[in-house]
Amino acid sequence: MKKVNIYSDGACSRNPGPGGYGVILEYKGHEVELSGGEEDTTNNRMELMGVITGLEALKEPCDVTLVTDSRYVTDAFNKGWIYQWQSKNWKKANGKAVLNKELWQRLLRAAVPHRVKFVHVPGHKGHSYNERCDKLAVEARKKFE
């Protein structure tokens, strides 16, 4: 399997409000930048869309290191929350419905062919790829303001 790094970030002006996401796929020194956004969304939805967009861009099964500053995304996988939500028909431990269910389901489908490791990095702390993704996300968001 090819070893691919995916870096992702989301941004939202007001919450909800106009939002964007930025993604960088890196393989053996080659990089592809992707971005997009929505007029009326939330930061968490943009964080998810960045990750989904990165995974859906892969053309074959890969060994993926997915780097994001979103605890919402990394904790869902690294702490096993997403699997608990699935087993409880998309309900949280408190019985309330999981927000963004359709995006979590899309993310799970996008991840199926790959081996994905989710890595959290602190946002706005100088991580070069995270800073670049943030810039892409903000630029995408501005198109909807």
Protein backbone atom coordinates (compact mmCIF):
# COMPACT_ATOMS: atom_id res chain seq x y z
CA MET A 1 0.00 0.00 0.00
CA LYS A 2 1.17 3.51 -0.76
CA LYS A 3 1.87 5.62 2.32
CA VAL A 4 -0.05 8.89 2.00
CA ASN A 5 -0.29 11.80 4.41
CA ILE A 6 -3.50 13.80 4.45
CA TYR A 7 -3.59 17.12 6.27
CA SER A 8 -6.96 18.76 6.84
CA ASP A 9 -8.57 21.75 8.51
CA GLY A 10 -11.95 23.45 8.62
CA ALA A 11 -12.98 27.03 9.25
CA CYS A 12 -16.27 28.78 9.91
CA SER A 13 -17.18 32.44 10.28
CA ARG A 14 -19.85 32.53 12.94
CA ASN A 15 -21.03 29.10 13.88
CA PRO A 16 -23.22 28.42 11.97
CA GLY A 17 -22.24 30.60 9.06
CA PRO A 18 -20.07 30.52 5.96
CA GLY A 19 -17.43 27.81 6.15
CA GLY A 20 -14.58 26.23 4.29
CA TYR A 21 -12.12 23.37 4.45
CA GLY A 22 -8.61 22.86 3.18
CA VAL A 23 -6.81 19.59 2.49
CA ILE A 24 -3.31 18.66 1.39
CA LEU A 25 -2.52 15.16 0.17
CA GLU A 26 1.19 14.33 0.25
CA TYR A 27 2.82 11.27 -1.32
CA LYS A 28 6.60 10.98 -1.78
CA GLY A 29 7.04 14.74 -1.86
CA HIS A 30 4.22 15.35 -4.31
CA GLU A 31 1.34 17.46 -3.00
CA VAL A 32 -2.24 18.12 -4.06
CA GLU A 33 -4.29 20.90 -2.45
CA LEU A 34 -8.08 20.69 -2.27
CA SER A 35 -10.62 23.06 -0.76
CA GLY A 36 -14.30 23.83 -0.71
CA GLY A 37 -16.99 25.28 1.45
CA GLU A 38 -20.62 26.04 2.11
CA GLU A 39 -22.69 29.15 2.67
CA ASP A 40 -24.39 28.00 5.88
CA THR A 41 -22.55 25.39 7.89
CA THR A 42 -20.65 24.72 11.13
CA ASN A 43 -17.00 24.36 11.98
CA ASN A 44 -17.44 20.67 12.82
CA ARG A 45 -19.08 19.99 9.45
CA MET A 46 -16.16 21.66 7.68
CA GLU A 47 -13.65 19.65 9.72
CA LEU A 48 -15.45 16.48 8.61
CA MET A 49 -15.72 17.59 4.97
CA GLY A 50 -11.98 18.20 4.82
CA VAL A 51 -11.23 14.68 6.01
CA ILE A 52 -13.86 13.16 3.73
CA THR A 53 -12.61 15.08 0.70
CA GLY A 54 -9.05 13.93 1.32
CA LEU A 55 -10.01 10.27 1.65
CA GLU A 56 -12.39 10.35 -1.32
CA ALA A 57 -9.61 11.80 -3.50
CA LEU A 58 -7.51 8.63 -3.14
CA LYS A 59 -7.72 6.38 -6.19
CA GLU A 60 -6.56 3.14 -4.57
CA PRO A 61 -6.27 1.62 -1.09
CA CYS A 62 -3.57 3.45 0.89
CA ASP A 63 -1.88 3.47 4.27
CA VAL A 64 -3.02 6.92 5.41
CA THR A 65 -1.79 9.15 8.19
CA LEU A 66 -4.54 11.74 8.57
CA VAL A 67 -3.43 14.85 10.45
CA THR A 68 -5.95 17.38 11.76
CA ASP A 69 -6.33 19.87 14.60
CA SER A 70 -9.91 18.65 15.15
CA ARG A 71 -10.38 16.69 18.35
CA TYR A 72 -13.95 16.18 17.14
CA VAL A 73 -12.57 13.96 14.37
CA THR A 74 -9.53 12.36 16.02
CA ASP A 75 -11.27 11.52 19.30
CA ALA A 76 -14.23 9.97 17.49
CA PHE A 77 -11.88 7.37 16.04
CA ASN A 78 -9.04 7.15 18.55
CA LYS A 79 -11.40 6.90 21.53
CA GLY A 80 -13.81 4.61 19.68
CA TRP A 81 -16.82 6.90 19.96
CA ILE A 82 -17.84 6.42 16.33
CA TYR A 83 -18.11 2.66 16.75
CA GLN A 84 -20.21 3.11 19.90
CA TRP A 85 -22.49 5.55 18.03
CA GLN A 86 -22.91 3.02 15.23
CA SER A 87 -23.74 0.20 17.63
CA LYS A 88 -26.34 2.41 19.36
CA ASN A 89 -28.06 3.42 16.10
CA TRP A 90 -26.27 6.78 16.01
CA LYS A 91 -27.13 7.79 19.55
CA LYS A 92 -24.63 9.21 22.02
CA ALA A 93 -24.19 7.82 25.53
CA ASN A 94 -26.79 10.33 26.77
CA GLY A 95 -29.34 8.99 24.26
CA LYS A 96 -29.31 12.09 22.05
CA ALA A 97 -28.79 11.80 18.31
CA VAL A 98 -25.25 12.16 16.97
CA LEU A 99 -24.86 15.42 15.07
CA ASN A 100 -23.68 15.23 11.46
CA LYS A 101 -24.62 11.55 11.20
CA GLU A 102 -24.64 11.62 7.39
CA LEU A 103 -21.10 13.01 7.30
CA TRP A 104 -19.82 10.46 9.82
CA GLN A 105 -21.36 7.72 7.68
CA ARG A 106 -19.78 9.17 4.55
CA LEU A 107 -16.43 9.34 6.34
CA LEU A 108 -16.68 5.71 7.36
CA ARG A 109 -17.44 4.69 3.76
CA ALA A 110 -14.51 6.76 2.47
CA ALA A 111 -12.16 5.14 4.98
CA VAL A 112 -13.14 1.53 4.20
CA PRO A 113 -10.53 0.70 1.55
CA HIS A 114 -7.71 2.33 3.49
CA ARG A 115 -5.71 1.81 6.65
CA VAL A 116 -6.16 5.16 8.42
CA LYS A 117 -4.32 6.49 11.45
CA PHE A 118 -5.81 9.69 12.90
CA VAL A 119 -3.28 12.13 14.38
CA HIS A 120 -4.15 15.30 16.28
CA VAL A 121 -1.94 18.40 16.09
CA PRO A 122 -2.63 21.62 17.99
CA GLY A 123 -4.11 24.28 15.75
CA HIS A 124 -2.34 27.58 15.11
CA LYS A 125 0.87 26.35 16.73
CA GLY A 126 3.18 26.50 13.72
CA HIS A 127 2.63 23.07 12.16
CA SER A 128 3.36 24.01 8.54
CA TYR A 129 0.78 21.75 6.89
CA ASN A 130 -1.91 22.66 9.41
CA GLU A 131 -1.24 26.36 8.81
CA ARG A 132 -1.46 25.85 5.04
CA CYS A 133 -4.72 23.92 5.39
CA ASP A 134 -6.12 26.66 7.59
CA LYS A 135 -5.23 29.23 4.93
CA LEU A 136 -6.96 27.13 2.25
CA ALA A 137 -10.04 26.74 4.47
CA VAL A 138 -10.26 30.47 5.20
CA GLU A 139 -9.87 31.32 1.50
CA ALA A 140 -12.64 28.85 0.63
CA ARG A 141 -14.87 30.26 3.39
CA LYS A 142 -14.45 33.82 2.11
CA LYS A 143 -16.10 32.83 -1.17
CA PHE A 144 -19.35 32.39 0.78
CA GLU A 145 -19.23 35.56 2.90
